[in-house]
């Protein structure tokens, strides 16, 4: 049976018992299940459906409604949760199509992975061009390089809201930072300053943490916007991922490098000057080859 509940149900975490029973949606839900609620009234033997599946849209509102329903079951009918009667249907956010192949994807992360898989299918990177002597990058070797590129890109996207984007990209391109001492911090500030445009980089000492940091300042719409690179960040996993990407990709491709995708008459190629440009071109080709549909709600499926 299907029980449609429109809108968001009452938040039972904050509501009194009397208000709980005044909610039409909750009363309908209790009646449909047949168990009643409350320590004295609840009877698991009267449960009419032994598999209760919560289905909500794959957006923020849907997630909120799902949380409210789970809170209701956990607070008012905990036995249903303990005995495994409650299920969550995970609706896909995307449907993608390549040729005749269709696939449903749960979220943006799965979409990125799918596009990457399509992009690398039949792809090859020639580090020094068609006449170069270095071995082509393809297959597992190219997949490993792409994985490092994607990891660094995710780090930049995630930190870009509160750290300087160009500074993050400079680290991913091979700029090494050292904030363990005053001379090292000053040298890092000079090196970073050389790689940035319209920005001022200063090495500073934070008396609260007793550590060195770099402060990057830019003028944005007439106001000074500042961000910092701390010593803890330089010693952390995110910087390590950017540093590894920089070491991996620096000098990987020559001036005549070519990226190619496909075979025979359908093959396409592009001249690139670094690995980031090669990946951007490959993913762009994949996006053109993949048809996608984004679902706003279950009713569209």
C-alpha atoms as a PDB file:
ATOM      1  CA  UNK A   1       0.000   0.000   0.000  1.00  0.00           C
ATOM      2  CA  UNK A   2       1.092   3.598  -0.596  1.00  0.00           C
ATOM      3  CA  UNK A   3       0.386   6.327   1.953  1.00  0.00           C
ATOM      4  CA  UNK A   4       1.035   9.808   0.503  1.00  0.00           C
ATOM      5  CA  UNK A   5       1.939  12.453   3.082  1.00  0.00           C
ATOM      6  CA  UNK A   6       1.987  15.998   1.741  1.00  0.00           C
ATOM      7  CA  UNK A   7       4.504  18.459   3.102  1.00  0.00           C
ATOM      8  CA  UNK A   8       6.540  18.214   6.272  1.00  0.00           C
ATOM      9  CA  UNK A   9       5.106  16.370   9.248  1.00  0.00           C
ATOM     10  CA  UNK A  10       5.237  17.693  12.797  1.00  0.00           C
ATOM     11  CA  UNK A  11       8.626  17.683  14.517  1.00  0.00           C
ATOM     12  CA  UNK A  12       7.834  15.239  17.334  1.00  0.00           C
ATOM     13  CA  UNK A  13      11.127  16.063  19.073  1.00  0.00           C
ATOM     14  CA  UNK A  14       9.645  19.403  20.158  1.00  0.00           C
ATOM     15  CA  UNK A  15       5.903  18.639  20.307  1.00  0.00           C
ATOM     16  CA  UNK A  16       3.803  17.546  23.265  1.00  0.00           C
ATOM     17  CA  UNK A  17       1.687  14.394  23.121  1.00  0.00           C
ATOM     18  CA  UNK A  18      -1.567  16.351  22.725  1.00  0.00           C
ATOM     19  CA  UNK A  19      -0.180  18.340  19.783  1.00  0.00           C
ATOM     20  CA  UNK A  20       1.142  15.114  18.291  1.00  0.00           C
ATOM     21  CA  UNK A  21      -2.360  13.666  18.104  1.00  0.00           C
ATOM     22  CA  UNK A  22      -3.726  16.895  16.603  1.00  0.00           C
ATOM     23  CA  UNK A  23      -1.581  16.429  13.480  1.00  0.00           C
ATOM     24  CA  UNK A  24      -3.661  14.880  10.687  1.00  0.00           C
ATOM     25  CA  UNK A  25      -0.592  13.407   8.952  1.00  0.00           C
ATOM     26  CA  UNK A  26       0.640  11.678  12.103  1.00  0.00           C
ATOM     27  CA  UNK A  27      -2.815  10.356  13.030  1.00  0.00           C
ATOM     28  CA  UNK A  28      -3.196   8.988   9.489  1.00  0.00           C
ATOM     29  CA  UNK A  29       0.214   7.310   9.730  1.00  0.00           C
ATOM     30  CA  UNK A  30      -0.569   5.756  13.127  1.00  0.00           C
ATOM     31  CA  UNK A  31      -3.930   4.491  11.880  1.00  0.00           C
ATOM     32  CA  UNK A  32      -2.393   2.986   8.743  1.00  0.00           C
ATOM     33  CA  UNK A  33       0.216   1.053  10.729  1.00  0.00           C
ATOM     34  CA  UNK A  34      -2.295  -0.102  13.343  1.00  0.00           C
ATOM     35  CA  UNK A  35       0.071  -0.264  16.325  1.00  0.00           C
ATOM     36  CA  UNK A  36      -0.967   2.947  18.105  1.00  0.00           C
ATOM     37  CA  UNK A  37       1.720   4.830  20.085  1.00  0.00           C
ATOM     38  CA  UNK A  38       2.744   5.335  23.686  1.00  0.00           C
ATOM     39  CA  UNK A  39       4.275   2.944  26.188  1.00  0.00           C
ATOM     40  CA  UNK A  40       0.897   1.510  27.201  1.00  0.00           C
ATOM     41  CA  UNK A  41      -1.012   1.689  23.899  1.00  0.00           C
ATOM     42  CA  UNK A  42       1.680   0.500  21.441  1.00  0.00           C
ATOM     43  CA  UNK A  43       1.248  -3.123  20.292  1.00  0.00           C
ATOM     44  CA  UNK A  44       3.738  -4.517  17.783  1.00  0.00           C
ATOM     45  CA  UNK A  45       1.497  -7.537  17.127  1.00  0.00           C
ATOM     46  CA  UNK A  46      -1.049  -5.256  15.432  1.00  0.00           C
ATOM     47  CA  UNK A  47       1.462  -3.998  12.853  1.00  0.00           C
ATOM     48  CA  UNK A  48      -0.227  -4.263   9.440  1.00  0.00           C
ATOM     49  CA  UNK A  49       2.868  -3.781   7.275  1.00  0.00           C
ATOM     50  CA  UNK A  50       6.199  -5.366   8.134  1.00  0.00           C
ATOM     51  CA  UNK A  51       8.249  -3.366   5.638  1.00  0.00           C
ATOM     52  CA  UNK A  52       7.788   0.393   5.909  1.00  0.00           C
ATOM     53  CA  UNK A  53       9.680   2.212   3.160  1.00  0.00           C
ATOM     54  CA  UNK A  54      10.218   5.968   3.409  1.00  0.00           C
ATOM     55  CA  UNK A  55      10.349   7.571  -0.047  1.00  0.00           C
ATOM     56  CA  UNK A  56      11.180  11.279  -0.329  1.00  0.00           C
ATOM     57  CA  UNK A  57      12.654  13.550  -2.987  1.00  0.00           C
ATOM     58  CA  UNK A  58      16.428  13.674  -3.455  1.00  0.00           C
ATOM     59  CA  UNK A  59      16.703  17.326  -2.415  1.00  0.00           C
ATOM     60  CA  UNK A  60      17.087  19.302   0.807  1.00  0.00           C
ATOM     61  CA  UNK A  61      13.351  19.345   1.544  1.00  0.00           C
ATOM     62  CA  UNK A  62      13.144  15.607   0.933  1.00  0.00           C
ATOM     63  CA  UNK A  63      16.030  14.991   3.329  1.00  0.00           C
ATOM     64  CA  UNK A  64      14.287  17.118   5.975  1.00  0.00           C
ATOM     65  CA  UNK A  65      11.008  15.219   5.598  1.00  0.00           C
ATOM     66  CA  UNK A  66      12.877  11.907   5.822  1.00  0.00           C
ATOM     67  CA  UNK A  67      14.579  13.064   9.031  1.00  0.00           C
ATOM     68  CA  UNK A  68      11.243  14.097  10.564  1.00  0.00           C
ATOM     69  CA  UNK A  69       9.716  10.693   9.747  1.00  0.00           C
ATOM     70  CA  UNK A  70      12.716   8.827  11.153  1.00  0.00           C
ATOM     71  CA  UNK A  71      12.511  10.960  14.309  1.00  0.00           C
ATOM     72  CA  UNK A  72       8.831  10.056  14.675  1.00  0.00           C
ATOM     73  CA  UNK A  73       9.497   6.323  14.369  1.00  0.00           C
ATOM     74  CA  UNK A  74      12.529   6.471  16.670  1.00  0.00           C
ATOM     75  CA  UNK A  75      10.709   8.404  19.414  1.00  0.00           C
ATOM     76  CA  UNK A  76       7.191   6.980  19.173  1.00  0.00           C
ATOM     77  CA  UNK A  77       7.675   3.481  17.702  1.00  0.00           C
ATOM     78  CA  UNK A  78      11.281   2.517  18.539  1.00  0.00           C
ATOM     79  CA  UNK A  79      10.491  -1.209  18.308  1.00  0.00           C
ATOM     80  CA  UNK A  80       9.900  -0.807  14.548  1.00  0.00           C
ATOM     81  CA  UNK A  81      13.440   0.546  14.192  1.00  0.00           C
ATOM     82  CA  UNK A  82      14.981  -2.073  16.478  1.00  0.00           C
ATOM     83  CA  UNK A  83      13.329  -4.970  14.623  1.00  0.00           C
ATOM     84  CA  UNK A  84      14.305  -3.696  11.170  1.00  0.00           C
ATOM     85  CA  UNK A  85      10.878  -2.730   9.847  1.00  0.00           C
ATOM     86  CA  UNK A  86      11.958   0.762   8.674  1.00  0.00           C
ATOM     87  CA  UNK A  87      13.608   1.173   5.259  1.00  0.00           C
ATOM     88  CA  UNK A  88      14.758   4.210   3.294  1.00  0.00           C
ATOM     89  CA  UNK A  89      14.382   4.314  -0.489  1.00  0.00           C
ATOM     90  CA  UNK A  90      17.334   6.212  -1.937  1.00  0.00           C
ATOM     91  CA  UNK A  91      16.055   8.014  -5.045  1.00  0.00           C
ATOM     92  CA  UNK A  92      18.595   8.814  -7.761  1.00  0.00           C
ATOM     93  CA  UNK A  93      19.357  12.422  -8.563  1.00  0.00           C
ATOM     94  CA  UNK A  94      20.422  11.758 -12.163  1.00  0.00           C
ATOM     95  CA  UNK A  95      19.706   9.498 -15.100  1.00  0.00           C
ATOM     96  CA  UNK A  96      22.548   9.360 -17.632  1.00  0.00           C
ATOM     97  CA  UNK A  97      22.599   7.854 -21.101  1.00  0.00           C
ATOM     98  CA  UNK A  98      25.522   6.937 -23.343  1.00  0.00           C
ATOM     99  CA  UNK A  99      24.358   5.455 -26.617  1.00  0.00           C
ATOM    100  CA  UNK A 100      21.707   2.894 -25.654  1.00  0.00           C
ATOM    101  CA  UNK A 101      23.053   2.437 -22.116  1.00  0.00           C
ATOM    102  CA  UNK A 102      21.090   4.122 -19.318  1.00  0.00           C
ATOM    103  CA  UNK A 103      22.103   4.332 -15.672  1.00  0.00           C
ATOM    104  CA  UNK A 104      20.724   5.983 -12.544  1.00  0.00           C
ATOM    105  CA  UNK A 105      23.126   7.874 -10.267  1.00  0.00           C
ATOM    106  CA  UNK A 106      22.525   8.739  -6.626  1.00  0.00           C
ATOM    107  CA  UNK A 107      24.255  12.131  -6.417  1.00  0.00           C
ATOM    108  CA  UNK A 108      26.775  14.529  -7.902  1.00  0.00           C
ATOM    109  CA  UNK A 109      29.709  12.451  -6.663  1.00  0.00           C
ATOM    110  CA  UNK A 110      28.509   9.413  -8.619  1.00  0.00           C
ATOM    111  CA  UNK A 111      27.924  11.653 -11.653  1.00  0.00           C
ATOM    112  CA  UNK A 112      31.523  12.922 -11.482  1.00  0.00           C
ATOM    113  CA  UNK A 113      32.828   9.344 -11.274  1.00  0.00           C
ATOM    114  CA  UNK A 114      30.670   8.290 -14.222  1.00  0.00           C
ATOM    115  CA  UNK A 115      31.848  11.220 -16.363  1.00  0.00           C
ATOM    116  CA  UNK A 116      35.454  10.414 -15.471  1.00  0.00           C
ATOM    117  CA  UNK A 117      34.972   6.780 -16.501  1.00  0.00           C
ATOM    118  CA  UNK A 118      33.489   7.852 -19.843  1.00  0.00           C
ATOM    119  CA  UNK A 119      36.229  10.454 -20.335  1.00  0.00           C
ATOM    120  CA  UNK A 120      39.024   7.900 -19.883  1.00  0.00           C
ATOM    121  CA  UNK A 121      37.440   5.265 -22.123  1.00  0.00           C
ATOM    122  CA  UNK A 122      39.690   5.103 -25.187  1.00  0.00           C
ATOM    123  CA  UNK A 123      41.736   8.105 -24.013  1.00  0.00           C
ATOM    124  CA  UNK A 124      45.486   8.479 -24.478  1.00  0.00           C
ATOM    125  CA  UNK A 125      47.863  11.316 -23.623  1.00  0.00           C
ATOM    126  CA  UNK A 126      51.044  11.738 -25.676  1.00  0.00           C
ATOM    127  CA  UNK A 127      53.476  13.621 -23.373  1.00  0.00           C
ATOM    128  CA  UNK A 128      55.633  14.967 -26.226  1.00  0.00           C
ATOM    129  CA  UNK A 129      53.191  14.829 -29.113  1.00  0.00           C
ATOM    130  CA  UNK A 130      52.853  12.291 -31.908  1.00  0.00           C
ATOM    131  CA  UNK A 131      56.598  12.256 -32.621  1.00  0.00           C
ATOM    132  CA  UNK A 132      57.680  12.105 -28.975  1.00  0.00           C
ATOM    133  CA  UNK A 133      59.821   9.373 -27.460  1.00  0.00           C
ATOM    134  CA  UNK A 134      58.108   9.099 -24.069  1.00  0.00           C
ATOM    135  CA  UNK A 135      55.533   6.323 -23.680  1.00  0.00           C
ATOM    136  CA  UNK A 136      51.855   7.288 -24.078  1.00  0.00           C
ATOM    137  CA  UNK A 137      49.760   7.620 -20.915  1.00  0.00           C
ATOM    138  CA  UNK A 138      46.738   5.326 -21.142  1.00  0.00           C
ATOM    139  CA  UNK A 139      44.881   2.526 -19.377  1.00  0.00           C
ATOM    140  CA  UNK A 140      45.663   2.032 -15.670  1.00  0.00           C
ATOM    141  CA  UNK A 141      48.520   4.551 -15.717  1.00  0.00           C
ATOM    142  CA  UNK A 142      46.178   7.281 -16.953  1.00  0.00           C
ATOM    143  CA  UNK A 143      43.478   6.214 -14.470  1.00  0.00           C
ATOM    144  CA  UNK A 144      45.914   6.543 -11.545  1.00  0.00           C
ATOM    145  CA  UNK A 145      46.939  10.015 -12.691  1.00  0.00           C
ATOM    146  CA  UNK A 146      43.296  11.004 -13.156  1.00  0.00           C
ATOM    147  CA  UNK A 147      42.481   9.833  -9.603  1.00  0.00           C
ATOM    148  CA  UNK A 148      45.182  12.134  -8.182  1.00  0.00           C
ATOM    149  CA  UNK A 149      43.901  14.992 -10.334  1.00  0.00           C
ATOM    150  CA  UNK A 150      40.309  14.466  -9.129  1.00  0.00           C
ATOM    151  CA  UNK A 151      41.417  14.309  -5.479  1.00  0.00           C
ATOM    152  CA  UNK A 152      43.308  17.593  -5.801  1.00  0.00           C
ATOM    153  CA  UNK A 153      40.357  19.187  -7.620  1.00  0.00           C
ATOM    154  CA  UNK A 154      37.947  18.139  -4.854  1.00  0.00           C
ATOM    155  CA  UNK A 155      40.290  19.632  -2.247  1.00  0.00           C
ATOM    156  CA  UNK A 156      40.414  22.933  -4.148  1.00  0.00           C
ATOM    157  CA  UNK A 157      36.633  23.026  -4.628  1.00  0.00           C
ATOM    158  CA  UNK A 158      36.002  22.270  -0.945  1.00  0.00           C
ATOM    159  CA  UNK A 159      38.520  24.748   0.472  1.00  0.00           C
ATOM    160  CA  UNK A 160      37.961  27.462  -2.128  1.00  0.00           C
ATOM    161  CA  UNK A 161      35.125  29.038  -0.116  1.00  0.00           C
ATOM    162  CA  UNK A 162      37.467  30.180   2.646  1.00  0.00           C
ATOM    163  CA  UNK A 163      40.980  29.958   1.170  1.00  0.00           C
ATOM    164  CA  UNK A 164      42.451  31.800  -1.807  1.00  0.00           C
ATOM    165  CA  UNK A 165      41.664  29.792  -4.959  1.00  0.00           C
ATOM    166  CA  UNK A 166      44.748  30.876  -6.876  1.00  0.00           C
ATOM    167  CA  UNK A 167      46.962  29.930  -3.932  1.00  0.00           C
ATOM    168  CA  UNK A 168      45.400  26.459  -3.796  1.00  0.00           C
ATOM    169  CA  UNK A 169      45.937  26.043  -7.535  1.00  0.00           C
ATOM    170  CA  UNK A 170      49.547  27.185  -7.184  1.00  0.00           C
ATOM    171  CA  UNK A 171      50.123  24.432  -4.595  1.00  0.00           C
ATOM    172  CA  UNK A 172      48.518  21.884  -6.912  1.00  0.00           C
ATOM    173  CA  UNK A 173      50.895  23.072  -9.649  1.00  0.00           C
ATOM    174  CA  UNK A 174      53.965  22.322  -7.550  1.00  0.00           C
ATOM    175  CA  UNK A 175      54.482  25.313  -5.241  1.00  0.00           C
ATOM    176  CA  UNK A 176      55.936  23.983  -1.959  1.00  0.00           C
ATOM    177  CA  UNK A 177      55.321  25.784   1.343  1.00  0.00           C
ATOM    178  CA  UNK A 178      57.221  25.603   4.632  1.00  0.00           C
ATOM    179  CA  UNK A 179      55.973  27.469   7.707  1.00  0.00           C
ATOM    180  CA  UNK A 180      58.080  25.755  10.365  1.00  0.00           C
ATOM    181  CA  UNK A 181      60.354  28.775  10.901  1.00  0.00           C
ATOM    182  CA  UNK A 182      60.390  32.523  10.263  1.00  0.00           C
ATOM    183  CA  UNK A 183      62.942  32.358   7.384  1.00  0.00           C
ATOM    184  CA  UNK A 184      61.046  29.464   5.759  1.00  0.00           C
ATOM    185  CA  UNK A 185      57.740  31.335   6.070  1.00  0.00           C
ATOM    186  CA  UNK A 186      59.272  34.468   4.514  1.00  0.00           C
ATOM    187  CA  UNK A 187      60.666  32.414   1.615  1.00  0.00           C
ATOM    188  CA  UNK A 188      57.279  30.741   1.114  1.00  0.00           C
ATOM    189  CA  UNK A 189      55.571  34.145   1.067  1.00  0.00           C
ATOM    190  CA  UNK A 190      57.954  35.371  -1.653  1.00  0.00           C
ATOM    191  CA  UNK A 191      57.437  32.206  -3.718  1.00  0.00           C
ATOM    192  CA  UNK A 192      53.644  32.375  -3.402  1.00  0.00           C
ATOM    193  CA  UNK A 193      53.599  36.105  -4.161  1.00  0.00           C
ATOM    194  CA  UNK A 194      55.388  35.422  -7.449  1.00  0.00           C
ATOM    195  CA  UNK A 195      52.642  33.016  -8.478  1.00  0.00           C
ATOM    196  CA  UNK A 196      49.655  35.259  -7.688  1.00  0.00           C
ATOM    197  CA  UNK A 197      48.180  38.242  -9.512  1.00  0.00           C
ATOM    198  CA  UNK A 198      46.486  41.190  -7.756  1.00  0.00           C
ATOM    199  CA  UNK A 199      47.196  39.770  -4.314  1.00  0.00           C
ATOM    200  CA  UNK A 200      49.509  40.562  -1.413  1.00  0.00           C
ATOM    201  CA  UNK A 201      51.150  37.754   0.569  1.00  0.00           C
ATOM    202  CA  UNK A 202      52.620  38.362   4.028  1.00  0.00           C
ATOM    203  CA  UNK A 203      54.357  35.993   6.418  1.00  0.00           C
ATOM    204  CA  UNK A 204      53.015  36.544   9.933  1.00  0.00           C
ATOM    205  CA  UNK A 205      53.376  35.032  13.392  1.00  0.00           C
ATOM    206  CA  UNK A 206      50.205  34.139  15.288  1.00  0.00           C
ATOM    207  CA  UNK A 207      50.861  34.730  18.989  1.00  0.00           C
ATOM    208  CA  UNK A 208      47.714  32.805  19.950  1.00  0.00           C
ATOM    209  CA  UNK A 209      48.887  29.562  18.367  1.00  0.00           C
ATOM    210  CA  UNK A 210      52.627  30.312  18.516  1.00  0.00           C
ATOM    211  CA  UNK A 211      52.879  29.353  14.829  1.00  0.00           C
ATOM    212  CA  UNK A 212      53.723  31.011  11.513  1.00  0.00           C
ATOM    213  CA  UNK A 213      51.136  31.624   8.791  1.00  0.00           C
ATOM    214  CA  UNK A 214      50.711  33.295   5.398  1.00  0.00           C
ATOM    215  CA  UNK A 215      48.058  35.976   4.978  1.00  0.00           C
ATOM    216  CA  UNK A 216      46.768  36.581   1.442  1.00  0.00           C
ATOM    217  CA  UNK A 217      44.889  39.839   0.836  1.00  0.00           C
ATOM    218  CA  UNK A 218      42.912  40.927  -2.224  1.00  0.00           C
ATOM    219  CA  UNK A 219      40.736  43.929  -2.982  1.00  0.00           C
ATOM    220  CA  UNK A 220      37.245  42.678  -3.837  1.00  0.00           C
ATOM    221  CA  UNK A 221      34.547  45.229  -4.794  1.00  0.00           C
ATOM    222  CA  UNK A 222      36.426  47.923  -2.916  1.00  0.00           C
ATOM    223  CA  UNK A 223      36.924  45.846   0.236  1.00  0.00           C
ATOM    224  CA  UNK A 224      39.971  43.922   1.428  1.00  0.00           C
ATOM    225  CA  UNK A 225      39.346  40.176   1.490  1.00  0.00           C
ATOM    226  CA  UNK A 226      41.873  38.118   3.448  1.00  0.00           C
ATOM    227  CA  UNK A 227      42.523  34.422   3.881  1.00  0.00           C
ATOM    228  CA  UNK A 228      45.268  32.544   5.681  1.00  0.00           C
ATOM    229  CA  UNK A 229      47.387  29.458   5.159  1.00  0.00           C
ATOM    230  CA  UNK A 230      48.276  28.019   8.543  1.00  0.00           C
ATOM    231  CA  UNK A 231      51.069  25.742   9.661  1.00  0.00           C
ATOM    232  CA  UNK A 232      48.477  23.105  10.590  1.00  0.00           C
ATOM    233  CA  UNK A 233      47.155  23.163   7.013  1.00  0.00           C
ATOM    234  CA  UNK A 234      50.656  22.670   5.592  1.00  0.00           C
ATOM    235  CA  UNK A 235      51.071  19.627   7.849  1.00  0.00           C
ATOM    236  CA  UNK A 236      47.610  18.229   6.981  1.00  0.00           C
ATOM    237  CA  UNK A 237      46.141  15.760   4.493  1.00  0.00           C
ATOM    238  CA  UNK A 238      44.691  18.394   2.142  1.00  0.00           C
ATOM    239  CA  UNK A 239      48.059  20.049   1.554  1.00  0.00           C
ATOM    240  CA  UNK A 240      49.632  16.598   1.148  1.00  0.00           C
ATOM    241  CA  UNK A 241      47.139  15.818  -1.640  1.00  0.00           C
ATOM    242  CA  UNK A 242      47.894  19.113  -3.390  1.00  0.00           C
ATOM    243  CA  UNK A 243      51.630  18.622  -2.959  1.00  0.00           C
ATOM    244  CA  UNK A 244      51.499  15.091  -4.378  1.00  0.00           C
ATOM    245  CA  UNK A 245      49.518  16.364  -7.360  1.00  0.00           C
ATOM    246  CA  UNK A 246      52.118  19.073  -7.926  1.00  0.00           C
ATOM    247  CA  UNK A 247      55.012  16.616  -7.768  1.00  0.00           C
ATOM    248  CA  UNK A 248      53.192  14.198 -10.072  1.00  0.00           C
ATOM    249  CA  UNK A 249      52.098  16.620 -12.765  1.00  0.00           C
ATOM    250  CA  UNK A 250      55.025  19.052 -12.812  1.00  0.00           C
ATOM    251  CA  UNK A 251      56.948  18.387 -16.031  1.00  0.00           C
ATOM    252  CA  UNK A 252      54.714  15.427 -16.874  1.00  0.00           C
ATOM    253  CA  UNK A 253      53.762  16.877 -20.262  1.00  0.00           C
ATOM    254  CA  UNK A 254      55.940  18.698 -22.750  1.00  0.00           C
ATOM    255  CA  UNK A 255      55.153  21.731 -24.888  1.00  0.00           C
ATOM    256  CA  UNK A 256      53.866  19.573 -27.768  1.00  0.00           C
ATOM    257  CA  UNK A 257      51.655  17.263 -25.669  1.00  0.00           C
ATOM    258  CA  UNK A 258      48.484  15.896 -27.241  1.00  0.00           C
ATOM    259  CA  UNK A 259      45.407  14.307 -25.671  1.00  0.00           C
ATOM    260  CA  UNK A 260      43.353  11.978 -27.854  1.00  0.00           C
ATOM    261  CA  UNK A 261      40.036  10.207 -27.383  1.00  0.00           C
ATOM    262  CA  UNK A 262      38.395   7.604 -29.614  1.00  0.00           C
ATOM    263  CA  UNK A 263      39.660   5.590 -32.544  1.00  0.00           C
ATOM    264  CA  UNK A 264      39.597   5.751 -36.329  1.00  0.00           C
ATOM    265  CA  UNK A 265      37.502   8.397 -38.036  1.00  0.00           C
ATOM    266  CA  UNK A 266      35.723   9.260 -34.779  1.00  0.00           C
ATOM    267  CA  UNK A 267      38.962  10.056 -32.953  1.00  0.00           C
ATOM    268  CA  UNK A 268      39.424  13.586 -31.627  1.00  0.00           C
ATOM    269  CA  UNK A 269      42.568  15.185 -30.275  1.00  0.00           C
ATOM    270  CA  UNK A 270      43.696  18.421 -28.688  1.00  0.00           C
ATOM    271  CA  UNK A 271      47.058  20.027 -28.012  1.00  0.00           C
ATOM    272  CA  UNK A 272      47.542  20.763 -24.296  1.00  0.00           C
ATOM    273  CA  UNK A 273      50.282  22.289 -22.154  1.00  0.00           C
ATOM    274  CA  UNK A 274      49.619  20.509 -18.846  1.00  0.00           C
ATOM    275  CA  UNK A 275      47.715  17.572 -17.359  1.00  0.00           C
ATOM    276  CA  UNK A 276      44.951  19.761 -15.954  1.00  0.00           C
ATOM    277  CA  UNK A 277      44.162  21.017 -19.457  1.00  0.00           C
ATOM    278  CA  UNK A 278      44.167  17.423 -20.729  1.00  0.00           C
ATOM    279  CA  UNK A 279      41.670  16.327 -18.055  1.00  0.00           C
ATOM    280  CA  UNK A 280      39.475  19.379 -18.635  1.00  0.00           C
ATOM    281  CA  UNK A 281      39.301  18.553 -22.352  1.00  0.00           C
ATOM    282  CA  UNK A 282      38.548  14.859 -21.735  1.00  0.00           C
ATOM    283  CA  UNK A 283      35.783  15.605 -19.231  1.00  0.00           C
ATOM    284  CA  UNK A 284      34.345  18.205 -21.601  1.00  0.00           C
ATOM    285  CA  UNK A 285      34.220  15.566 -24.347  1.00  0.00           C
ATOM    286  CA  UNK A 286      32.505  13.161 -21.937  1.00  0.00           C
ATOM    287  CA  UNK A 287      29.883  15.753 -20.994  1.00  0.00           C
ATOM    288  CA  UNK A 288      29.011  16.181 -24.673  1.00  0.00           C
ATOM    289  CA  UNK A 289      28.713  12.405 -25.106  1.00  0.00           C
ATOM    290  CA  UNK A 290      26.550  11.824 -22.021  1.00  0.00           C
ATOM    291  CA  UNK A 291      22.881  12.718 -21.955  1.00  0.00           C
ATOM    292  CA  UNK A 292      21.716  13.526 -18.451  1.00  0.00           C
ATOM    293  CA  UNK A 293      18.459  14.210 -16.679  1.00  0.00           C
ATOM    294  CA  UNK A 294      18.285  15.676 -13.190  1.00  0.00           C
ATOM    295  CA  UNK A 295      15.275  14.740 -11.104  1.00  0.00           C
ATOM    296  CA  UNK A 296      13.673  17.347  -8.862  1.00  0.00           C
ATOM    297  CA  UNK A 297      11.340  14.815  -7.279  1.00  0.00           C
ATOM    298  CA  UNK A 298      10.014  11.276  -7.357  1.00  0.00           C
ATOM    299  CA  UNK A 299       7.070  12.394  -9.488  1.00  0.00           C
ATOM    300  CA  UNK A 300       9.403  13.064 -12.435  1.00  0.00           C
ATOM    301  CA  UNK A 301      10.754   9.514 -12.519  1.00  0.00           C
END
